[in-house]
Amino acid sequence: IETSDQPGNMAQIAIRDSGCGIEQQHIARVFDPFFTTGKVSGTGLGLSVSYGIVRRYGGDICVRSTVGEGSVFEVLLPALPVGERVPVLT
């Protein structure tokens, strides 16, 4: 996990793994609700829900992946001044 300041008063969180990676044909769909590659467990909602939350707070999330090497998920969120609380959206 890495964090960094980004232009436009944004903060980035990068989450890297060294897993099996995601096939390029699936990259465009990983944030779609119920998308799954047919594994036994999971509903295909985790990344979709995460995407929705990040977008609702004015951010973005993207993924880069290489089969056999792993993936990087980058979350970009508006930075808040020290001491300011995240607003609760309803």
PDB file of N, CA and C in Angstrom:
ATOM      1  N   ILE A   1       0.857  -1.168   0.000  1.00  0.00           N
ATOM      2  CA  ILE A   1       0.000   0.000   0.000  1.00  0.00           C
ATOM      3  C   ILE A   1       0.897   1.223   0.000  1.00  0.00           C
ATOM      4  N   GLU A   2       0.605   2.156  -0.897  1.00  0.00           N
ATOM      5  CA  GLU A   2       1.345   3.416  -0.983  1.00  0.00           C
ATOM      6  C   GLU A   2       0.348   4.564  -1.031  1.00  0.00           C
ATOM      7  N   THR A   3       0.730   5.684  -0.451  1.00  0.00           N
ATOM      8  CA  THR A   3      -0.101   6.883  -0.526  1.00  0.00           C
ATOM      9  C   THR A   3       0.736   8.022  -1.091  1.00  0.00           C
ATOM     10  N   SER A   4       0.048   8.967  -1.725  1.00  0.00           N
ATOM     11  CA  SER A   4       0.743  10.142  -2.253  1.00  0.00           C
ATOM     12  C   SER A   4      -0.242  11.283  -2.454  1.00  0.00           C
ATOM     13  N   ASP A   5       0.293  12.502  -2.388  1.00  0.00           N
ATOM     14  CA  ASP A   5      -0.483  13.686  -2.740  1.00  0.00           C
ATOM     15  C   ASP A   5      -0.486  13.806  -4.253  1.00  0.00           C
ATOM     16  N   GLN A   6      -1.613  14.261  -4.795  1.00  0.00           N
ATOM     17  CA  GLN A   6      -1.748  14.427  -6.232  1.00  0.00           C
ATOM     18  C   GLN A   6      -2.226  15.843  -6.532  1.00  0.00           C
ATOM     19  N   PRO A   7      -2.006  16.315  -7.755  1.00  0.00           N
ATOM     20  CA  PRO A   7      -2.470  17.658  -8.123  1.00  0.00           C
ATOM     21  C   PRO A   7      -3.979  17.812  -7.925  1.00  0.00           C
ATOM     22  N   GLY A   8      -4.409  19.040  -7.707  1.00  0.00           N
ATOM     23  CA  GLY A   8      -5.829  19.309  -7.551  1.00  0.00           C
ATOM     24  C   GLY A   8      -6.354  18.965  -6.175  1.00  0.00           C
ATOM     25  N   ASN A   9      -5.484  18.989  -5.153  1.00  0.00           N
ATOM     26  CA  ASN A   9      -5.872  18.676  -3.778  1.00  0.00           C
ATOM     27  C   ASN A   9      -6.481  17.272  -3.659  1.00  0.00           C
ATOM     28  N   MET A  10      -5.832  16.320  -4.314  1.00  0.00           N
ATOM     29  CA  MET A  10      -6.275  14.930  -4.282  1.00  0.00           C
ATOM     30  C   MET A  10      -5.235  14.072  -3.559  1.00  0.00           C
ATOM     31  N   ALA A  11      -5.700  12.961  -3.028  1.00  0.00           N
ATOM     32  CA  ALA A  11      -4.823  11.974  -2.392  1.00  0.00           C
ATOM     33  C   ALA A  11      -4.995  10.650  -3.123  1.00  0.00           C
ATOM     34  N   GLN A  12      -3.890   9.941  -3.322  1.00  0.00           N
ATOM     35  CA  GLN A  12      -3.937   8.653  -4.014  1.00  0.00           C
ATOM     36  C   GLN A  12      -3.499   7.541  -3.071  1.00  0.00           C
ATOM     37  N   ILE A  13      -4.215   6.446  -3.133  1.00  0.00           N
ATOM     38  CA  ILE A  13      -3.866   5.234  -2.405  1.00  0.00           C
ATOM     39  C   ILE A  13      -3.701   4.142  -3.449  1.00  0.00           C
ATOM     40  N   ALA A  14      -2.531   3.544  -3.514  1.00  0.00           N
ATOM     41  CA  ALA A  14      -2.268   2.458  -4.468  1.00  0.00           C
ATOM     42  C   ALA A  14      -2.128   1.160  -3.689  1.00  0.00           C
ATOM     43  N   ILE A  15      -2.895   0.164  -4.075  1.00  0.00           N
ATOM     44  CA  ILE A  15      -2.858  -1.152  -3.444  1.00  0.00           C
ATOM     45  C   ILE A  15      -2.330  -2.133  -4.469  1.00  0.00           C
ATOM     46  N   ARG A  16      -1.164  -2.715  -4.201  1.00  0.00           N
ATOM     47  CA  ARG A  16      -0.516  -3.648  -5.134  1.00  0.00           C
ATOM     48  C   ARG A  16      -0.547  -5.059  -4.563  1.00  0.00           C
ATOM     49  N   ASP A  17      -0.651  -6.018  -5.469  1.00  0.00           N
ATOM     50  CA  ASP A  17      -0.492  -7.405  -5.052  1.00  0.00           C
ATOM     51  C   ASP A  17       0.428  -8.119  -6.033  1.00  0.00           C
ATOM     52  N   SER A  18       0.848  -9.283  -5.661  1.00  0.00           N
ATOM     53  CA  SER A  18       1.711 -10.090  -6.542  1.00  0.00           C
ATOM     54  C   SER A  18       0.998 -11.386  -6.904  1.00  0.00           C
ATOM     55  N   GLY A  19      -0.327 -11.282  -7.054  1.00  0.00           N
ATOM     56  CA  GLY A  19      -1.134 -12.448  -7.372  1.00  0.00           C
ATOM     57  C   GLY A  19      -1.053 -12.839  -8.839  1.00  0.00           C
ATOM     58  N   CYS A  20      -2.071 -13.524  -9.299  1.00  0.00           N
ATOM     59  CA  CYS A  20      -2.074 -14.071 -10.661  1.00  0.00           C
ATOM     60  C   CYS A  20      -2.399 -13.029 -11.724  1.00  0.00           C
ATOM     61  N   GLY A  21      -2.883 -11.838 -11.310  1.00  0.00           N
ATOM     62  CA  GLY A  21      -3.216 -10.803 -12.276  1.00  0.00           C
ATOM     63  C   GLY A  21      -4.605 -11.003 -12.867  1.00  0.00           C
ATOM     64  N   ILE A  22      -5.034 -10.030 -13.635  1.00  0.00           N
ATOM     65  CA  ILE A  22      -6.358 -10.051 -14.269  1.00  0.00           C
ATOM     66  C   ILE A  22      -6.151 -10.054 -15.773  1.00  0.00           C
ATOM     67  N   GLU A  23      -6.812 -10.952 -16.450  1.00  0.00           N
ATOM     68  CA  GLU A  23      -6.695 -11.014 -17.909  1.00  0.00           C
ATOM     69  C   GLU A  23      -7.236  -9.727 -18.526  1.00  0.00           C
ATOM     70  N   GLN A  24      -6.572  -9.236 -19.559  1.00  0.00           N
ATOM     71  CA  GLN A  24      -6.936  -7.964 -20.187  1.00  0.00           C
ATOM     72  C   GLN A  24      -8.394  -7.934 -20.644  1.00  0.00           C
ATOM     73  N   GLN A  25      -8.920  -9.051 -21.059  1.00  0.00           N
ATOM     74  CA  GLN A  25     -10.314  -9.086 -21.512  1.00  0.00           C
ATOM     75  C   GLN A  25     -11.295  -8.800 -20.372  1.00  0.00           C
ATOM     76  N   HIS A  26     -10.852  -8.933 -19.121  1.00  0.00           N
ATOM     77  CA  HIS A  26     -11.723  -8.708 -17.963  1.00  0.00           C
ATOM     78  C   HIS A  26     -11.543  -7.327 -17.333  1.00  0.00           C
ATOM     79  N   ILE A  27     -10.453  -6.639 -17.651  1.00  0.00           N
ATOM     80  CA  ILE A  27     -10.145  -5.353 -17.006  1.00  0.00           C
ATOM     81  C   ILE A  27     -11.301  -4.361 -17.122  1.00  0.00           C
ATOM     82  N   ALA A  28     -11.883  -4.221 -18.278  1.00  0.00           N
ATOM     83  CA  ALA A  28     -12.943  -3.237 -18.496  1.00  0.00           C
ATOM     84  C   ALA A  28     -14.214  -3.554 -17.704  1.00  0.00           C
ATOM     85  N   ARG A  29     -14.335  -4.778 -17.201  1.00  0.00           N
ATOM     86  CA  ARG A  29     -15.569  -5.178 -16.524  1.00  0.00           C
ATOM     87  C   ARG A  29     -15.423  -5.375 -15.021  1.00  0.00           C
ATOM     88  N   VAL A  30     -14.237  -5.252 -14.462  1.00  0.00           N
ATOM     89  CA  VAL A  30     -14.048  -5.603 -13.053  1.00  0.00           C
ATOM     90  C   VAL A  30     -14.899  -4.779 -12.090  1.00  0.00           C
ATOM     91  N   PHE A  31     -15.332  -3.577 -12.492  1.00  0.00           N
ATOM     92  CA  PHE A  31     -16.163  -2.752 -11.615  1.00  0.00           C
ATOM     93  C   PHE A  31     -17.655  -2.919 -11.910  1.00  0.00           C
ATOM     94  N   ASP A  32     -18.022  -3.773 -12.858  1.00  0.00           N
ATOM     95  CA  ASP A  32     -19.431  -4.024 -13.164  1.00  0.00           C
ATOM     96  C   ASP A  32     -20.078  -4.861 -12.066  1.00  0.00           C
ATOM     97  N   PRO A  33     -21.311  -4.498 -11.655  1.00  0.00           N
ATOM     98  CA  PRO A  33     -22.001  -5.306 -10.647  1.00  0.00           C
ATOM     99  C   PRO A  33     -22.161  -6.751 -11.118  1.00  0.00           C
ATOM    100  N   PHE A  34     -21.917  -7.669 -10.223  1.00  0.00           N
ATOM    101  CA  PHE A  34     -22.087  -9.114 -10.421  1.00  0.00           C
ATOM    102  C   PHE A  34     -21.095  -9.729 -11.401  1.00  0.00           C
ATOM    103  N   PHE A  35     -20.104  -8.954 -11.846  1.00  0.00           N
ATOM    104  CA  PHE A  35     -19.106  -9.544 -12.739  1.00  0.00           C
ATOM    105  C   PHE A  35     -18.224 -10.488 -11.937  1.00  0.00           C
ATOM    106  N   THR A  36     -18.063 -11.671 -12.449  1.00  0.00           N
ATOM    107  CA  THR A  36     -17.189 -12.663 -11.835  1.00  0.00           C
ATOM    108  C   THR A  36     -16.586 -13.513 -12.943  1.00  0.00           C
ATOM    109  N   THR A  37     -15.462 -14.101 -12.674  1.00  0.00           N
ATOM    110  CA  THR A  37     -14.830 -14.966 -13.675  1.00  0.00           C
ATOM    111  C   THR A  37     -15.208 -16.426 -13.450  1.00  0.00           C
ATOM    112  N   GLY A  38     -16.247 -16.650 -12.637  1.00  0.00           N
ATOM    113  CA  GLY A  38     -16.745 -18.006 -12.448  1.00  0.00           C
ATOM    114  C   GLY A  38     -16.135 -18.751 -11.286  1.00  0.00           C
ATOM    115  N   LYS A  39     -15.425 -18.046 -10.418  1.00  0.00           N
ATOM    116  CA  LYS A  39     -14.851 -18.705  -9.247  1.00  0.00           C
ATOM    117  C   LYS A  39     -15.968 -19.180  -8.333  1.00  0.00           C
ATOM    118  N   VAL A  40     -15.661 -20.116  -7.478  1.00  0.00           N
ATOM    119  CA  VAL A  40     -16.657 -20.751  -6.618  1.00  0.00           C
ATOM    120  C   VAL A  40     -17.261 -19.777  -5.608  1.00  0.00           C
ATOM    121  N   SER A  41     -16.466 -18.898  -5.015  1.00  0.00           N
ATOM    122  CA  SER A  41     -16.997 -18.007  -3.992  1.00  0.00           C
ATOM    123  C   SER A  41     -17.063 -16.573  -4.502  1.00  0.00           C
ATOM    124  N   GLY A  42     -17.837 -15.751  -3.813  1.00  0.00           N
ATOM    125  CA  GLY A  42     -17.959 -14.342  -4.159  1.00  0.00           C
ATOM    126  C   GLY A  42     -19.206 -14.056  -4.965  1.00  0.00           C
ATOM    127  N   THR A  43     -19.643 -12.800  -4.875  1.00  0.00           N
ATOM    128  CA  THR A  43     -20.873 -12.393  -5.561  1.00  0.00           C
ATOM    129  C   THR A  43     -20.613 -11.484  -6.752  1.00  0.00           C
ATOM    130  N   GLY A  44     -19.382 -10.993  -6.892  1.00  0.00           N
ATOM    131  CA  GLY A  44     -19.094 -10.049  -7.954  1.00  0.00           C
ATOM    132  C   GLY A  44     -19.544  -8.644  -7.615  1.00  0.00           C
ATOM    133  N   LEU A  45     -19.714  -8.351  -6.323  1.00  0.00           N
ATOM    134  CA  LEU A  45     -20.171  -7.028  -5.913  1.00  0.00           C
ATOM    135  C   LEU A  45     -19.099  -6.177  -5.239  1.00  0.00           C
ATOM    136  N   GLY A  46     -18.040  -6.770  -4.745  1.00  0.00           N
ATOM    137  CA  GLY A  46     -17.040  -6.042  -3.963  1.00  0.00           C
ATOM    138  C   GLY A  46     -16.451  -4.843  -4.672  1.00  0.00           C
ATOM    139  N   LEU A  47     -15.937  -5.021  -5.874  1.00  0.00           N
ATOM    140  CA  LEU A  47     -15.328  -3.904  -6.601  1.00  0.00           C
ATOM    141  C   LEU A  47     -16.367  -2.913  -7.089  1.00  0.00           C
ATOM    142  N   SER A  48     -17.551  -3.404  -7.423  1.00  0.00           N
ATOM    143  CA  SER A  48     -18.624  -2.518  -7.859  1.00  0.00           C
ATOM    144  C   SER A  48     -19.048  -1.592  -6.726  1.00  0.00           C
ATOM    145  N   VAL A  49     -19.223  -2.133  -5.539  1.00  0.00           N
ATOM    146  CA  VAL A  49     -19.607  -1.334  -4.379  1.00  0.00           C
ATOM    147  C   VAL A  49     -18.488  -0.344  -4.039  1.00  0.00           C
ATOM    148  N   SER A  50     -17.251  -0.805  -4.063  1.00  0.00           N
ATOM    149  CA  SER A  50     -16.112   0.070  -3.787  1.00  0.00           C
ATOM    150  C   SER A  50     -16.069   1.230  -4.778  1.00  0.00           C
ATOM    151  N   TYR A  51     -16.263   0.933  -6.048  1.00  0.00           N
ATOM    152  CA  TYR A  51     -16.277   1.959  -7.087  1.00  0.00           C
ATOM    153  C   TYR A  51     -17.364   2.996  -6.801  1.00  0.00           C
ATOM    154  N   GLY A  52     -18.543   2.522  -6.453  1.00  0.00           N
ATOM    155  CA  GLY A  52     -19.650   3.431  -6.167  1.00  0.00           C
ATOM    156  C   GLY A  52     -19.366   4.358  -4.996  1.00  0.00           C
ATOM    157  N   ILE A  53     -18.774   3.833  -3.941  1.00  0.00           N
ATOM    158  CA  ILE A  53     -18.446   4.648  -2.771  1.00  0.00           C
ATOM    159  C   ILE A  53     -17.400   5.701  -3.131  1.00  0.00           C
ATOM    160  N   VAL A  54     -16.343   5.283  -3.813  1.00  0.00           N
ATOM    161  CA  VAL A  54     -15.276   6.205  -4.189  1.00  0.00           C
ATOM    162  C   VAL A  54     -15.818   7.318  -5.084  1.00  0.00           C
ATOM    163  N   ARG A  55     -16.634   6.973  -6.071  1.00  0.00           N
ATOM    164  CA  ARG A  55     -17.203   7.975  -6.981  1.00  0.00           C
ATOM    165  C   ARG A  55     -18.144   8.930  -6.235  1.00  0.00           C
ATOM    166  N   ARG A  56     -18.895   8.398  -5.280  1.00  0.00           N
ATOM    167  CA  ARG A  56     -19.835   9.229  -4.536  1.00  0.00           C
ATOM    168  C   ARG A  56     -19.119  10.322  -3.743  1.00  0.00           C
ATOM    169  N   TYR A  57     -17.903  10.048  -3.315  1.00  0.00           N
ATOM    170  CA  TYR A  57     -17.121  11.028  -2.563  1.00  0.00           C
ATOM    171  C   TYR A  57     -16.209  11.857  -3.465  1.00  0.00           C
ATOM    172  N   GLY A  58     -16.452  11.825  -4.775  1.00  0.00           N
ATOM    173  CA  GLY A  58     -15.729  12.684  -5.694  1.00  0.00           C
ATOM    174  C   GLY A  58     -14.392  12.134  -6.151  1.00  0.00           C
ATOM    175  N   GLY A  59     -14.200  10.839  -6.005  1.00  0.00           N
ATOM    176  CA  GLY A  59     -12.940  10.226  -6.393  1.00  0.00           C
ATOM    177  C   GLY A  59     -13.068   9.334  -7.612  1.00  0.00           C
ATOM    178  N   ASP A  60     -12.026   8.557  -7.819  1.00  0.00           N
ATOM    179  CA  ASP A  60     -11.996   7.610  -8.934  1.00  0.00           C
ATOM    180  C   ASP A  60     -11.152   6.412  -8.511  1.00  0.00           C
ATOM    181  N   ILE A  61     -11.350   5.324  -9.176  1.00  0.00           N
ATOM    182  CA  ILE A  61     -10.587   4.111  -8.914  1.00  0.00           C
ATOM    183  C   ILE A  61     -10.290   3.450 -10.251  1.00  0.00           C
ATOM    184  N   CYS A  62      -9.070   2.975 -10.403  1.00  0.00           N
ATOM    185  CA  CYS A  62      -8.700   2.301 -11.644  1.00  0.00           C
ATOM    186  C   CYS A  62      -7.794   1.118 -11.306  1.00  0.00           C
ATOM    187  N   VAL A  63      -7.603   0.263 -12.295  1.00  0.00           N
ATOM    188  CA  VAL A  63      -6.788  -0.931 -12.086  1.00  0.00           C
ATOM    189  C   VAL A  63      -5.834  -1.108 -13.259  1.00  0.00           C
ATOM    190  N   ARG A  64      -4.625  -1.538 -12.957  1.00  0.00           N
ATOM    191  CA  ARG A  64      -3.654  -1.990 -13.945  1.00  0.00           C
ATOM    192  C   ARG A  64      -3.247  -3.388 -13.528  1.00  0.00           C
ATOM    193  N   SER A  65      -3.107  -4.282 -14.479  1.00  0.00           N
ATOM    194  CA  SER A  65      -2.787  -5.648 -14.125  1.00  0.00           C
ATOM    195  C   SER A  65      -2.016  -6.342 -15.241  1.00  0.00           C
ATOM    196  N   THR A  66      -1.138  -7.234 -14.816  1.00  0.00           N
ATOM    197  CA  THR A  66      -0.390  -8.066 -15.745  1.00  0.00           C
ATOM    198  C   THR A  66      -0.539  -9.510 -15.283  1.00  0.00           C
ATOM    199  N   VAL A  67      -1.047 -10.352 -16.167  1.00  0.00           N
ATOM    200  CA  VAL A  67      -1.231 -11.766 -15.827  1.00  0.00           C
ATOM    201  C   VAL A  67       0.115 -12.357 -15.423  1.00  0.00           C
ATOM    202  N   GLY A  68       0.114 -13.045 -14.304  1.00  0.00           N
ATOM    203  CA  GLY A  68       1.325 -13.677 -13.790  1.00  0.00           C
ATOM    204  C   GLY A  68       2.183 -12.773 -12.923  1.00  0.00           C
ATOM    205  N   GLU A  69       1.845 -11.484 -12.854  1.00  0.00           N
ATOM    206  CA  GLU A  69       2.647 -10.546 -12.067  1.00  0.00           C
ATOM    207  C   GLU A  69       1.864  -9.844 -10.967  1.00  0.00           C
ATOM    208  N   GLY A  70       0.573  -9.667 -11.142  1.00  0.00           N
ATOM    209  CA  GLY A  70      -0.233  -9.004 -10.120  1.00  0.00           C
ATOM    210  C   GLY A  70      -0.980  -7.800 -10.646  1.00  0.00           C
ATOM    211  N   SER A  71      -1.605  -7.088  -9.706  1.00  0.00           N
ATOM    212  CA  SER A  71      -2.461  -5.958 -10.041  1.00  0.00           C
ATOM    213  C   SER A  71      -2.160  -4.775  -9.141  1.00  0.00           C
ATOM    214  N   VAL A  72      -2.541  -3.589  -9.625  1.00  0.00           N
ATOM    215  CA  VAL A  72      -2.462  -2.358  -8.838  1.00  0.00           C
ATOM    216  C   VAL A  72      -3.815  -1.667  -8.961  1.00  0.00           C
ATOM    217  N   PHE A  73      -4.448  -1.434  -7.832  1.00  0.00           N
ATOM    218  CA  PHE A  73      -5.676  -0.651  -7.780  1.00  0.00           C
ATOM    219  C   PHE A  73      -5.306   0.707  -7.217  1.00  0.00           C
ATOM    220  N   GLU A  74      -5.649   1.761  -7.951  1.00  0.00           N
ATOM    221  CA  GLU A  74      -5.339   3.122  -7.520  1.00  0.00           C
ATOM    222  C   GLU A  74      -6.636   3.858  -7.219  1.00  0.00           C
ATOM    223  N   VAL A  75      -6.737   4.334  -5.987  1.00  0.00           N
ATOM    224  CA  VAL A  75      -7.903   5.079  -5.534  1.00  0.00           C
ATOM    225  C   VAL A  75      -7.489   6.537  -5.391  1.00  0.00           C
ATOM    226  N   LEU A  76      -8.227   7.426  -6.038  1.00  0.00           N
ATOM    227  CA  LEU A  76      -7.974   8.855  -5.977  1.00  0.00           C
ATOM    228  C   LEU A  76      -9.151   9.506  -5.273  1.00  0.00           C
ATOM    229  N   LEU A  77      -8.864  10.235  -4.185  1.00  0.00           N
ATOM    230  CA  LEU A  77      -9.917  10.878  -3.397  1.00  0.00           C
ATOM    231  C   LEU A  77      -9.555  12.331  -3.116  1.00  0.00           C
ATOM    232  N   PRO A  78     -10.578  13.193  -2.980  1.00  0.00           N
ATOM    233  CA  PRO A  78     -10.292  14.573  -2.587  1.00  0.00           C
ATOM    234  C   PRO A  78      -9.643  14.580  -1.206  1.00  0.00           C
ATOM    235  N   ALA A  79      -8.584  15.366  -1.053  1.00  0.00           N
ATOM    236  CA  ALA A  79      -7.905  15.475   0.239  1.00  0.00           C
ATOM    237  C   ALA A  79      -8.657  16.469   1.119  1.00  0.00           C
ATOM    238  N   LEU A  80      -8.672  16.197   2.406  1.00  0.00           N
ATOM    239  CA  LEU A  80      -9.301  17.097   3.368  1.00  0.00           C
ATOM    240  C   LEU A  80      -8.226  17.758   4.218  1.00  0.00           C
ATOM    241  N   PRO A  81      -8.450  18.992   4.622  1.00  0.00           N
ATOM    242  CA  PRO A  81      -7.509  19.625   5.540  1.00  0.00           C
ATOM    243  C   PRO A  81      -7.438  18.840   6.855  1.00  0.00           C
ATOM    244  N   VAL A  82      -6.299  18.899   7.513  1.00  0.00           N
ATOM    245  CA  VAL A  82      -6.122  18.200   8.780  1.00  0.00           C
ATOM    246  C   VAL A  82      -7.206  18.630   9.753  1.00  0.00           C
ATOM    247  N   GLY A  83      -7.848  17.655  10.378  1.00  0.00           N
ATOM    248  CA  GLY A  83      -8.889  17.930  11.361  1.00  0.00           C
ATOM    249  C   GLY A  83     -10.294  18.002  10.788  1.00  0.00           C
ATOM    250  N   GLU A  84     -10.419  18.116   9.479  1.00  0.00           N
ATOM    251  CA  GLU A  84     -11.754  18.166   8.872  1.00  0.00           C
ATOM    252  C   GLU A  84     -12.286  16.746   8.723  1.00  0.00           C
ATOM    253  N   ARG A  85     -13.576  16.578   8.973  1.00  0.00           N
ATOM    254  CA  ARG A  85     -14.209  15.269   8.909  1.00  0.00           C
ATOM    255  C   ARG A  85     -14.835  15.021   7.543  1.00  0.00           C
ATOM    256  N   VAL A  86     -14.858  13.775   7.146  1.00  0.00           N
ATOM    257  CA  VAL A  86     -15.495  13.375   5.884  1.00  0.00           C
ATOM    258  C   VAL A  86     -17.003  13.581   6.023  1.00  0.00           C
ATOM    259  N   PRO A  87     -17.633  14.267   5.068  1.00  0.00           N
ATOM    260  CA  PRO A  87     -19.086  14.463   5.169  1.00  0.00           C
ATOM    261  C   PRO A  87     -19.815  13.146   4.934  1.00  0.00           C
ATOM    262  N   VAL A  88     -20.901  12.959   5.654  1.00  0.00           N
ATOM    263  CA  VAL A  88     -21.725  11.774   5.472  1.00  0.00           C
ATOM    264  C   VAL A  88     -22.729  12.073   4.373  1.00  0.00           C
ATOM    265  N   LEU A  89     -22.679  11.280   3.308  1.00  0.00           N
ATOM    266  CA  LEU A  89     -23.606  11.485   2.189  1.00  0.00           C
ATOM    267  C   LEU A  89     -24.825  10.610   2.391  1.00  0.00           C
ATOM    268  N   THR A  90     -25.968  11.150   2.107  1.00  0.00           N
ATOM    269  CA  THR A  90     -27.209  10.363   2.238  1.00  0.00           C
ATOM    270  C   THR A  90     -27.901  10.260   0.917  1.00  0.00           C
TER     271      THR A  90
END
